[in-house]
Amino acid sequence: MLRLHGIIGKERDPAYRAALHDLEHHGDIELLFVPSSEAGRKRFRLSTDRGTDCAVSLDRDEELFDGAILCLDPERAIVVRFGEQAVWRLRPANAAVALKLGWNAGNLHWRVRFEDDCLLILLDGPLQSYRQRIKPLLDAGDLTEAANV
């Protein structure tokens, strides 16, 4: 279990942007999805999207917010997201389409998981932004999609 005390800063703060950018390119940013039932608490225990078990404690004067950095070191960062993880599920029609989809997802640095013959894209923004990036594949009808958002 990783013990995290206090908020280090905001992910959009320019002082942290370079470090977060470097970690993002290596896939070392973990997201801690905090359900609304836990949002106002000062102490709670949750797991990140990568499975890291975290015990979080905040000072009395601290309020948790979306984008709060709870951990930032050379190996990883842990950033807060409110709500549940939005997931976009895509099923390629064949191996050639799967290769194209995989190349696009990697090139765009999308966070993904695999489930059976589907690629699950963990959304960090609006679904429409993701759809626009692979529009030719979607328009060709080579992907079956189901948004779990």
Foldseek 3Di string as FASTA:
>chain_A
DAEFEEFPAFCPPPVCVVQVVVCLLVVAEWEWEAEPVCQADQWDWGATPVGRIYTYGYDPPDGDDFRTWRDGDNRHTYGYHYDDWKKKKKAFQDDVLVVVVVVLCVVVSFDWDDDDRIIITGDPDDPVVVCVSPVVSVVVVRMDIDIRD
